[in-house]
Amino acid sequence: MVTEVLLNDVRINITNYQEEVVHDKKTGEPLQSILFDFKVTSEDYHKITTLLYENNFVVKVPERNLEFRGTINHYSTSITNLYEENAVGDFRVGLIEVK
């Protein structure tokens, strides 16, 4: 079971992980794609959202020996205001390889 993903060397502990190979619609070239869920606390909210705004990442999944350059193709969260003390939100992020 995959328990962590690194985005630009920032370690994220995850609760759910999916991986698949998709094909570029123009070239047919295979591209790596991952989708994962994780919890974000109010104290980590700014750090995580600032990271996600970068939108382009070196993606590493150590437990799968997987590394690729990727960009966000899916993003959702259960809460929009994690500035309240002790709040926790559920985040879901999908990344797709860019060549």
PDB file of N, CA and C in Angstrom:
ATOM      1  N   MET A   1       0.837  -1.191   0.000  1.00  0.00           N
ATOM      2  CA  MET A   1       0.000   0.000   0.000  1.00  0.00           C
ATOM      3  C   MET A   1       0.877   1.248   0.000  1.00  0.00           C
ATOM      4  N   VAL A   2       0.529   2.196  -0.828  1.00  0.00           N
ATOM      5  CA  VAL A   2       1.276   3.449  -0.917  1.00  0.00           C
ATOM      6  C   VAL A   2       0.833   4.367   0.214  1.00  0.00           C
ATOM      7  N   THR A   3       1.798   4.911   0.945  1.00  0.00           N
ATOM      8  CA  THR A   3       1.491   5.762   2.095  1.00  0.00           C
ATOM      9  C   THR A   3       1.993   7.194   1.956  1.00  0.00           C
ATOM     10  N   GLU A   4       2.814   7.457   0.923  1.00  0.00           N
ATOM     11  CA  GLU A   4       3.310   8.823   0.766  1.00  0.00           C
ATOM     12  C   GLU A   4       3.624   9.138  -0.692  1.00  0.00           C
ATOM     13  N   VAL A   5       3.478  10.430  -1.006  1.00  0.00           N
ATOM     14  CA  VAL A   5       3.833  10.978  -2.303  1.00  0.00           C
ATOM     15  C   VAL A   5       4.689  12.198  -2.021  1.00  0.00           C
ATOM     16  N   LEU A   6       5.729  12.398  -2.831  1.00  0.00           N
ATOM     17  CA  LEU A   6       6.555  13.588  -2.707  1.00  0.00           C
ATOM     18  C   LEU A   6       6.309  14.492  -3.905  1.00  0.00           C
ATOM     19  N   LEU A   7       5.998  15.747  -3.642  1.00  0.00           N
ATOM     20  CA  LEU A   7       5.839  16.759  -4.676  1.00  0.00           C
ATOM     21  C   LEU A   7       6.935  17.785  -4.472  1.00  0.00           C
ATOM     22  N   ASN A   8       7.846  17.892  -5.432  1.00  0.00           N
ATOM     23  CA  ASN A   8       9.001  18.788  -5.291  1.00  0.00           C
ATOM     24  C   ASN A   8       9.692  18.571  -3.945  1.00  0.00           C
ATOM     25  N   ASP A   9       9.845  17.312  -3.582  1.00  0.00           N
ATOM     26  CA  ASP A   9      10.511  16.860  -2.357  1.00  0.00           C
ATOM     27  C   ASP A   9       9.762  17.194  -1.062  1.00  0.00           C
ATOM     28  N   VAL A  10       8.508  17.628  -1.160  1.00  0.00           N
ATOM     29  CA  VAL A  10       7.660  17.812   0.022  1.00  0.00           C
ATOM     30  C   VAL A  10       6.876  16.519   0.221  1.00  0.00           C
ATOM     31  N   ARG A  11       7.059  15.898   1.364  1.00  0.00           N
ATOM     32  CA  ARG A  11       6.435  14.611   1.684  1.00  0.00           C
ATOM     33  C   ARG A  11       4.988  14.813   2.128  1.00  0.00           C
ATOM     34  N   ILE A  12       4.077  14.079   1.486  1.00  0.00           N
ATOM     35  CA  ILE A  12       2.658  14.132   1.826  1.00  0.00           C
ATOM     36  C   ILE A  12       2.214  12.729   2.200  1.00  0.00           C
ATOM     37  N   ASN A  13       1.711  12.575   3.417  1.00  0.00           N
ATOM     38  CA  ASN A  13       1.175  11.286   3.857  1.00  0.00           C
ATOM     39  C   ASN A  13      -0.232  11.147   3.301  1.00  0.00           C
ATOM     40  N   ILE A  14      -0.477  10.044   2.588  1.00  0.00           N
ATOM     41  CA  ILE A  14      -1.735   9.904   1.878  1.00  0.00           C
ATOM     42  C   ILE A  14      -2.600   8.801   2.488  1.00  0.00           C
ATOM     43  N   THR A  15      -3.902   8.874   2.182  1.00  0.00           N
ATOM     44  CA  THR A  15      -4.857   7.893   2.715  1.00  0.00           C
ATOM     45  C   THR A  15      -5.431   6.996   1.627  1.00  0.00           C
ATOM     46  N   ASN A  16      -5.260   7.385   0.362  1.00  0.00           N
ATOM     47  CA  ASN A  16      -5.788   6.599  -0.755  1.00  0.00           C
ATOM     48  C   ASN A  16      -4.922   6.890  -1.964  1.00  0.00           C
ATOM     49  N   TYR A  17      -4.719   5.879  -2.818  1.00  0.00           N
ATOM     50  CA  TYR A  17      -3.825   6.052  -3.962  1.00  0.00           C
ATOM     51  C   TYR A  17      -4.322   5.218  -5.135  1.00  0.00           C
ATOM     52  N   GLN A  18      -4.333   5.839  -6.323  1.00  0.00           N
ATOM     53  CA  GLN A  18      -4.660   5.140  -7.557  1.00  0.00           C
ATOM     54  C   GLN A  18      -3.626   5.531  -8.600  1.00  0.00           C
ATOM     55  N   GLU A  19      -3.283   4.581  -9.439  1.00  0.00           N
ATOM     56  CA  GLU A  19      -2.263   4.815 -10.459  1.00  0.00           C
ATOM     57  C   GLU A  19      -2.733   4.177 -11.761  1.00  0.00           C
ATOM     58  N   GLU A  20      -2.501   4.875 -12.868  1.00  0.00           N
ATOM     59  CA  GLU A  20      -2.827   4.294 -14.161  1.00  0.00           C
ATOM     60  C   GLU A  20      -1.976   4.931 -15.245  1.00  0.00           C
ATOM     61  N   VAL A  21      -1.905   4.268 -16.370  1.00  0.00           N
ATOM     62  CA  VAL A  21      -1.251   4.814 -17.551  1.00  0.00           C
ATOM     63  C   VAL A  21      -2.359   5.238 -18.501  1.00  0.00           C
ATOM     64  N   VAL A  22      -2.292   6.494 -18.943  1.00  0.00           N
ATOM     65  CA  VAL A  22      -3.248   7.022 -19.922  1.00  0.00           C
ATOM     66  C   VAL A  22      -2.459   7.365 -21.185  1.00  0.00           C
ATOM     67  N   HIS A  23      -3.156   7.631 -22.254  1.00  0.00           N
ATOM     68  CA  HIS A  23      -2.471   7.947 -23.510  1.00  0.00           C
ATOM     69  C   HIS A  23      -2.796   9.363 -23.958  1.00  0.00           C
ATOM     70  N   ASP A  24      -1.754  10.079 -24.361  1.00  0.00           N
ATOM     71  CA  ASP A  24      -1.901  11.437 -24.876  1.00  0.00           C
ATOM     72  C   ASP A  24      -2.848  11.397 -26.071  1.00  0.00           C
ATOM     73  N   LYS A  25      -3.844  12.269 -26.076  1.00  0.00           N
ATOM     74  CA  LYS A  25      -4.860  12.263 -27.133  1.00  0.00           C
ATOM     75  C   LYS A  25      -4.284  12.631 -28.505  1.00  0.00           C
ATOM     76  N   LYS A  26      -3.213  13.422 -28.535  1.00  0.00           N
ATOM     77  CA  LYS A  26      -2.625  13.831 -29.811  1.00  0.00           C
ATOM     78  C   LYS A  26      -1.586  12.830 -30.315  1.00  0.00           C
ATOM     79  N   THR A  27      -0.715  12.391 -29.426  1.00  0.00           N
ATOM     80  CA  THR A  27       0.416  11.561 -29.856  1.00  0.00           C
ATOM     81  C   THR A  27       0.229  10.071 -29.582  1.00  0.00           C
ATOM     82  N   GLY A  28      -0.698   9.733 -28.689  1.00  0.00           N
ATOM     83  CA  GLY A  28      -0.875   8.341 -28.309  1.00  0.00           C
ATOM     84  C   GLY A  28       0.175   7.846 -27.333  1.00  0.00           C
ATOM     85  N   GLU A  29       1.089   8.729 -26.962  1.00  0.00           N
ATOM     86  CA  GLU A  29       2.176   8.364 -26.058  1.00  0.00           C
ATOM     87  C   GLU A  29       1.627   8.037 -24.663  1.00  0.00           C
ATOM     88  N   PRO A  30       2.139   6.979 -24.016  1.00  0.00           N
ATOM     89  CA  PRO A  30       1.680   6.643 -22.665  1.00  0.00           C
ATOM     90  C   PRO A  30       2.176   7.668 -21.645  1.00  0.00           C
ATOM     91  N   LEU A  31       1.282   8.039 -20.717  1.00  0.00           N
ATOM     92  CA  LEU A  31       1.604   9.005 -19.662  1.00  0.00           C
ATOM     93  C   LEU A  31       1.189   8.427 -18.316  1.00  0.00           C
ATOM     94  N   GLN A  32       2.026   8.636 -17.319  1.00  0.00           N
ATOM     95  CA  GLN A  32       1.716   8.192 -15.964  1.00  0.00           C
ATOM     96  C   GLN A  32       0.680   9.134 -15.356  1.00  0.00           C
ATOM     97  N   SER A  33      -0.270   8.585 -14.627  1.00  0.00           N
ATOM     98  CA  SER A  33      -1.294   9.380 -13.961  1.00  0.00           C
ATOM     99  C   SER A  33      -1.550   8.791 -12.579  1.00  0.00           C
ATOM    100  N   ILE A  34      -1.603   9.668 -11.566  1.00  0.00           N
ATOM    101  CA  ILE A  34      -1.918   9.211 -10.210  1.00  0.00           C
ATOM    102  C   ILE A  34      -2.997  10.102  -9.612  1.00  0.00           C
ATOM    103  N   LEU A  35      -3.735   9.532  -8.677  1.00  0.00           N
ATOM    104  CA  LEU A  35      -4.769  10.242  -7.929  1.00  0.00           C
ATOM    105  C   LEU A  35      -4.617   9.818  -6.481  1.00  0.00           C
ATOM    106  N   PHE A  36      -4.601  10.786  -5.561  1.00  0.00           N
ATOM    107  CA  PHE A  36      -4.428  10.433  -4.160  1.00  0.00           C
ATOM    108  C   PHE A  36      -5.201  11.377  -3.252  1.00  0.00           C
ATOM    109  N   ASP A  37      -5.530  10.866  -2.073  1.00  0.00           N
ATOM    110  CA  ASP A  37      -6.249  11.624  -1.048  1.00  0.00           C
ATOM    111  C   ASP A  37      -5.332  11.819   0.148  1.00  0.00           C
ATOM    112  N   PHE A  38      -5.526  12.943   0.836  1.00  0.00           N
ATOM    113  CA  PHE A  38      -4.752  13.195   2.047  1.00  0.00           C
ATOM    114  C   PHE A  38      -5.478  14.212   2.918  1.00  0.00           C
ATOM    115  N   LYS A  39      -5.131  14.199   4.179  1.00  0.00           N
ATOM    116  CA  LYS A  39      -5.706  15.131   5.157  1.00  0.00           C
ATOM    117  C   LYS A  39      -4.799  16.350   5.275  1.00  0.00           C
ATOM    118  N   VAL A  40      -5.415  17.510   5.415  1.00  0.00           N
ATOM    119  CA  VAL A  40      -4.674  18.755   5.626  1.00  0.00           C
ATOM    120  C   VAL A  40      -5.224  19.425   6.877  1.00  0.00           C
ATOM    121  N   THR A  41      -4.333  19.708   7.803  1.00  0.00           N
ATOM    122  CA  THR A  41      -4.723  20.390   9.036  1.00  0.00           C
ATOM    123  C   THR A  41      -4.622  21.903   8.848  1.00  0.00           C
ATOM    124  N   SER A  42      -5.260  22.619   9.749  1.00  0.00           N
ATOM    125  CA  SER A  42      -5.206  24.079   9.676  1.00  0.00           C
ATOM    126  C   SER A  42      -3.769  24.579   9.763  1.00  0.00           C
ATOM    127  N   GLU A  43      -2.914  23.883  10.512  1.00  0.00           N
ATOM    128  CA  GLU A  43      -1.525  24.355  10.641  1.00  0.00           C
ATOM    129  C   GLU A  43      -0.708  24.104   9.369  1.00  0.00           C
ATOM    130  N   ASP A  44      -1.086  23.129   8.534  1.00  0.00           N
ATOM    131  CA  ASP A  44      -0.366  22.842   7.291  1.00  0.00           C
ATOM    132  C   ASP A  44      -1.034  23.442   6.051  1.00  0.00           C
ATOM    133  N   TYR A  45      -2.192  24.043   6.215  1.00  0.00           N
ATOM    134  CA  TYR A  45      -2.987  24.526   5.088  1.00  0.00           C
ATOM    135  C   TYR A  45      -2.203  25.461   4.164  1.00  0.00           C
ATOM    136  N   HIS A  46      -1.577  26.480   4.720  1.00  0.00           N
ATOM    137  CA  HIS A  46      -0.861  27.456   3.893  1.00  0.00           C
ATOM    138  C   HIS A  46       0.284  26.787   3.132  1.00  0.00           C
ATOM    139  N   LYS A  47       1.036  25.950   3.807  1.00  0.00           N
ATOM    140  CA  LYS A  47       2.173  25.262   3.177  1.00  0.00           C
ATOM    141  C   LYS A  47       1.708  24.388   2.008  1.00  0.00           C
ATOM    142  N   ILE A  48       0.638  23.634   2.204  1.00  0.00           N
ATOM    143  CA  ILE A  48       0.156  22.720   1.169  1.00  0.00           C
ATOM    144  C   ILE A  48      -0.451  23.485  -0.004  1.00  0.00           C
ATOM    145  N   THR A  49      -1.285  24.482   0.272  1.00  0.00           N
ATOM    146  CA  THR A  49      -1.905  25.207  -0.842  1.00  0.00           C
ATOM    147  C   THR A  49      -0.867  26.003  -1.631  1.00  0.00           C
ATOM    148  N   THR A  50       0.126  26.554  -0.963  1.00  0.00           N
ATOM    149  CA  THR A  50       1.206  27.250  -1.668  1.00  0.00           C
ATOM    150  C   THR A  50       1.949  26.276  -2.577  1.00  0.00           C
ATOM    151  N   LEU A  51       2.210  25.079  -2.072  1.00  0.00           N
ATOM    152  CA  LEU A  51       2.854  24.048  -2.885  1.00  0.00           C
ATOM    153  C   LEU A  51       1.997  23.710  -4.108  1.00  0.00           C
ATOM    154  N   LEU A  52       0.707  23.488  -3.905  1.00  0.00           N
ATOM    155  CA  LEU A  52      -0.168  23.089  -5.005  1.00  0.00           C
ATOM    156  C   LEU A  52      -0.306  24.183  -6.066  1.00  0.00           C
ATOM    157  N   TYR A  53      -0.188  25.451  -5.665  1.00  0.00           N
ATOM    158  CA  TYR A  53      -0.259  26.545  -6.637  1.00  0.00           C
ATOM    159  C   TYR A  53       0.907  26.513  -7.618  1.00  0.00           C
ATOM    160  N   GLU A  54       1.995  25.816  -7.274  1.00  0.00           N
ATOM    161  CA  GLU A  54       3.119  25.695  -8.197  1.00  0.00           C
ATOM    162  C   GLU A  54       2.690  24.958  -9.465  1.00  0.00           C
ATOM    163  N   ASN A  55       1.775  24.003  -9.333  1.00  0.00           N
ATOM    164  CA  ASN A  55       1.126  23.283 -10.425  1.00  0.00           C
ATOM    165  C   ASN A  55       2.037  22.367 -11.238  1.00  0.00           C
ATOM    166  N   ASN A  56       3.327  22.542 -11.205  1.00  0.00           N
ATOM    167  CA  ASN A  56       4.271  21.686 -11.912  1.00  0.00           C
ATOM    168  C   ASN A  56       5.214  21.075 -10.889  1.00  0.00           C
ATOM    169  N   PHE A  57       5.359  19.761 -10.968  1.00  0.00           N
ATOM    170  CA  PHE A  57       6.058  19.064  -9.894  1.00  0.00           C
ATOM    171  C   PHE A  57       6.987  17.984 -10.419  1.00  0.00           C
ATOM    172  N   VAL A  58       8.007  17.700  -9.623  1.00  0.00           N
ATOM    173  CA  VAL A  58       8.708  16.435  -9.718  1.00  0.00           C
ATOM    174  C   VAL A  58       7.948  15.538  -8.753  1.00  0.00           C
ATOM    175  N   VAL A  59       7.321  14.510  -9.294  1.00  0.00           N
ATOM    176  CA  VAL A  59       6.462  13.607  -8.532  1.00  0.00           C
ATOM    177  C   VAL A  59       7.248  12.343  -8.229  1.00  0.00           C
ATOM    178  N   LYS A  60       7.259  11.955  -6.953  1.00  0.00           N
ATOM    179  CA  LYS A  60       7.926  10.721  -6.559  1.00  0.00           C
ATOM    180  C   LYS A  60       6.972   9.901  -5.698  1.00  0.00           C
ATOM    181  N   VAL A  61       6.898   8.626  -6.008  1.00  0.00           N
ATOM    182  CA  VAL A  61       6.138   7.676  -5.207  1.00  0.00           C
ATOM    183  C   VAL A  61       7.134   6.577  -4.827  1.00  0.00           C
ATOM    184  N   PRO A  62       7.839   6.764  -3.697  1.00  0.00           N
ATOM    185  CA  PRO A  62       8.936   5.852  -3.340  1.00  0.00           C
ATOM    186  C   PRO A  62       8.530   4.378  -3.276  1.00  0.00           C
ATOM    187  N   GLU A  63       7.368   4.093  -2.744  1.00  0.00           N
ATOM    188  CA  GLU A  63       6.945   2.701  -2.578  1.00  0.00           C
ATOM    189  C   GLU A  63       6.653   2.004  -3.906  1.00  0.00           C
ATOM    190  N   ARG A  64       6.493   2.771  -4.969  1.00  0.00           N
ATOM    191  CA  ARG A  64       6.255   2.215  -6.306  1.00  0.00           C
ATOM    192  C   ARG A  64       7.473   2.415  -7.212  1.00  0.00           C
ATOM    193  N   ASN A  65       8.543   3.018  -6.655  1.00  0.00           N
ATOM    194  CA  ASN A  65       9.741   3.331  -7.432  1.00  0.00           C
ATOM    195  C   ASN A  65       9.359   4.116  -8.699  1.00  0.00           C
ATOM    196  N   LEU A  66       8.493   5.104  -8.497  1.00  0.00           N
ATOM    197  CA  LEU A  66       7.936   5.885  -9.594  1.00  0.00           C
ATOM    198  C   LEU A  66       8.367   7.339  -9.456  1.00  0.00           C
ATOM    199  N   GLU A  67       8.818   7.927 -10.560  1.00  0.00           N
ATOM    200  CA  GLU A  67       9.168   9.343 -10.583  1.00  0.00           C
ATOM    201  C   GLU A  67       8.862   9.901 -11.971  1.00  0.00           C
ATOM    202  N   PHE A  68       8.217  11.069 -11.998  1.00  0.00           N
ATOM    203  CA  PHE A  68       7.922  11.730 -13.266  1.00  0.00           C
ATOM    204  C   PHE A  68       7.671  13.209 -13.031  1.00  0.00           C
ATOM    205  N   ARG A  69       7.744  13.988 -14.110  1.00  0.00           N
ATOM    206  CA  ARG A  69       7.347  15.396 -14.056  1.00  0.00           C
ATOM    207  C   ARG A  69       5.861  15.427 -14.334  1.00  0.00           C
ATOM    208  N   GLY A  70       5.117  16.145 -13.463  1.00  0.00           N
ATOM    209  CA  GLY A  70       3.672  16.138 -13.615  1.00  0.00           C
ATOM    210  C   GLY A  70       3.032  17.475 -13.334  1.00  0.00           C
ATOM    211  N   THR A  71       1.771  17.553 -13.715  1.00  0.00           N
ATOM    212  CA  THR A  71       0.962  18.740 -13.474  1.00  0.00           C
ATOM    213  C   THR A  71      -0.404  18.295 -12.956  1.00  0.00           C
ATOM    214  N   ILE A  72      -1.083  19.178 -12.250  1.00  0.00           N
ATOM    215  CA  ILE A  72      -2.381  18.856 -11.675  1.00  0.00           C
ATOM    216  C   ILE A  72      -3.439  18.759 -12.776  1.00  0.00           C
ATOM    217  N   ASN A  73      -4.180  17.655 -12.768  1.00  0.00           N
ATOM    218  CA  ASN A  73      -5.314  17.535 -13.680  1.00  0.00           C
ATOM    219  C   ASN A  73      -6.619  17.307 -12.917  1.00  0.00           C
ATOM    220  N   HIS A  74      -6.531  17.218 -11.594  1.00  0.00           N
ATOM    221  CA  HIS A  74      -7.724  17.111 -10.748  1.00  0.00           C
ATOM    222  C   HIS A  74      -7.370  17.658  -9.364  1.00  0.00           C
ATOM    223  N   TYR A  75      -8.317  18.426  -8.795  1.00  0.00           N
ATOM    224  CA  TYR A  75      -8.107  18.961  -7.444  1.00  0.00           C
ATOM    225  C   TYR A  75      -9.470  19.174  -6.807  1.00  0.00           C
ATOM    226  N   SER A  76      -9.631  18.680  -5.586  1.00  0.00           N
ATOM    227  CA  SER A  76     -10.846  18.978  -4.835  1.00  0.00           C
ATOM    228  C   SER A  76     -10.532  18.933  -3.352  1.00  0.00           C
ATOM    229  N   THR A  77     -11.369  19.601  -2.588  1.00  0.00           N
ATOM    230  CA  THR A  77     -11.206  19.633  -1.144  1.00  0.00           C
ATOM    231  C   THR A  77     -12.578  19.670  -0.480  1.00  0.00           C
ATOM    232  N   SER A  78     -12.638  19.138   0.730  1.00  0.00           N
ATOM    233  CA  SER A  78     -13.900  19.091   1.453  1.00  0.00           C
ATOM    234  C   SER A  78     -14.194  20.394   2.185  1.00  0.00           C
ATOM    235  N   ILE A  79     -13.205  21.275   2.242  1.00  0.00           N
ATOM    236  CA  ILE A  79     -13.357  22.496   3.040  1.00  0.00           C
ATOM    237  C   ILE A  79     -12.565  23.610   2.369  1.00  0.00           C
ATOM    238  N   THR A  80     -13.078  24.814   2.425  1.00  0.00           N
ATOM    239  CA  THR A  80     -12.385  25.932   1.790  1.00  0.00           C
ATOM    240  C   THR A  80     -11.723  26.864   2.793  1.00  0.00           C
ATOM    241  N   ASN A  81     -12.035  26.729   4.069  1.00  0.00           N
ATOM    242  CA  ASN A  81     -11.442  27.605   5.074  1.00  0.00           C
ATOM    243  C   ASN A  81     -10.793  26.773   6.171  1.00  0.00           C
ATOM    244  N   LEU A  82      -9.516  26.506   5.988  1.00  0.00           N
ATOM    245  CA  LEU A  82      -8.777  25.766   7.011  1.00  0.00           C
ATOM    246  C   LEU A  82      -7.988  26.695   7.921  1.00  0.00           C
ATOM    247  N   TYR A  83      -8.372  27.951   7.949  1.00  0.00           N
ATOM    248  CA  TYR A  83      -7.701  28.878   8.858  1.00  0.00           C
ATOM    249  C   TYR A  83      -8.240  28.760  10.281  1.00  0.00           C
ATOM    250  N   GLU A  84      -9.365  28.070  10.454  1.00  0.00           N
ATOM    251  CA  GLU A  84      -9.905  27.869  11.790  1.00  0.00           C
ATOM    252  C   GLU A  84      -9.057  26.837  12.530  1.00  0.00           C
ATOM    253  N   GLU A  85      -8.700  27.132  13.749  1.00  0.00           N
ATOM    254  CA  GLU A  85      -7.842  26.259  14.546  1.00  0.00           C
ATOM    255  C   GLU A  85      -8.432  24.857  14.668  1.00  0.00           C
ATOM    256  N   ASN A  86      -7.584  23.860  14.513  1.00  0.00           N
ATOM    257  CA  ASN A  86      -7.908  22.436  14.634  1.00  0.00           C
ATOM    258  C   ASN A  86      -8.805  21.900  13.516  1.00  0.00           C
ATOM    259  N   ALA A  87      -9.015  22.667  12.469  1.00  0.00           N
ATOM    260  CA  ALA A  87      -9.805  22.181  11.331  1.00  0.00           C
ATOM    261  C   ALA A  87      -8.963  21.209  10.505  1.00  0.00           C
ATOM    262  N   VAL A  88      -9.641  20.236   9.905  1.00  0.00           N
ATOM    263  CA  VAL A  88      -8.974  19.255   9.041  1.00  0.00           C
ATOM    264  C   VAL A  88      -9.814  19.093   7.784  1.00  0.00           C
ATOM    265  N   GLY A  89      -9.148  19.155   6.639  1.00  0.00           N
ATOM    266  CA  GLY A  89      -9.842  18.992   5.367  1.00  0.00           C
ATOM    267  C   GLY A  89      -9.342  17.772   4.619  1.00  0.00           C
ATOM    268  N   ASP A  90     -10.206  17.215   3.798  1.00  0.00           N
ATOM    269  CA  ASP A  90      -9.847  16.112   2.918  1.00  0.00           C
ATOM    270  C   ASP A  90      -9.526  16.679   1.542  1.00  0.00           C
ATOM    271  N   PHE A  91      -8.331  16.412   1.064  1.00  0.00           N
ATOM    272  CA  PHE A  91      -7.896  16.875  -0.244  1.00  0.00           C
ATOM    273  C   PHE A  91      -7.764  15.687  -1.178  1.00  0.00           C
ATOM    274  N   ARG A  92      -8.058  15.897  -2.455  1.00  0.00           N
ATOM    275  CA  ARG A  92      -7.847  14.901  -3.501  1.00  0.00           C
ATOM    276  C   ARG A  92      -7.116  15.609  -4.643  1.00  0.00           C
ATOM    277  N   VAL A  93      -6.001  15.025  -5.056  1.00  0.00           N
ATOM    278  CA  VAL A  93      -5.193  15.612  -6.126  1.00  0.00           C
ATOM    279  C   VAL A  93      -4.889  14.539  -7.161  1.00  0.00           C
ATOM    280  N   GLY A  94      -5.070  14.904  -8.418  1.00  0.00           N
ATOM    281  CA  GLY A  94      -4.682  14.051  -9.528  1.00  0.00           C
ATOM    282  C   GLY A  94      -3.561  14.720 -10.291  1.00  0.00           C
ATOM    283  N   LEU A  95      -2.563  13.931 -10.665  1.00  0.00           N
ATOM    284  CA  LEU A  95      -1.420  14.452 -11.418  1.00  0.00           C
ATOM    285  C   LEU A  95      -1.233  13.620 -12.671  1.00  0.00           C
ATOM    286  N   ILE A  96      -0.842  14.276 -13.754  1.00  0.00           N
ATOM    287  CA  ILE A  96      -0.558  13.575 -15.003  1.00  0.00           C
ATOM    288  C   ILE A  96       0.834  13.987 -15.492  1.00  0.00           C
ATOM    289  N   GLU A  97       1.506  13.030 -16.047  1.00  0.00           N
ATOM    290  CA  GLU A  97       2.873  13.256 -16.540  1.00  0.00           C
ATOM    291  C   GLU A  97       2.875  14.249 -17.692  1.00  0.00           C
ATOM    292  N   VAL A  98       3.884  15.098 -17.705  1.00  0.00           N
ATOM    293  CA  VAL A  98       4.121  16.010 -18.825  1.00  0.00           C
ATOM    294  C   VAL A  98       5.492  15.675 -19.384  1.00  0.00           C
ATOM    295  N   LYS A  99       5.588  15.684 -20.697  1.00  0.00           N
ATOM    296  CA  LYS A  99       6.854  15.348 -21.368  1.00  0.00           C
ATOM    297  C   LYS A  99       7.534  16.591 -21.858  1.00  0.00           C
TER     298      LYS A  99
END
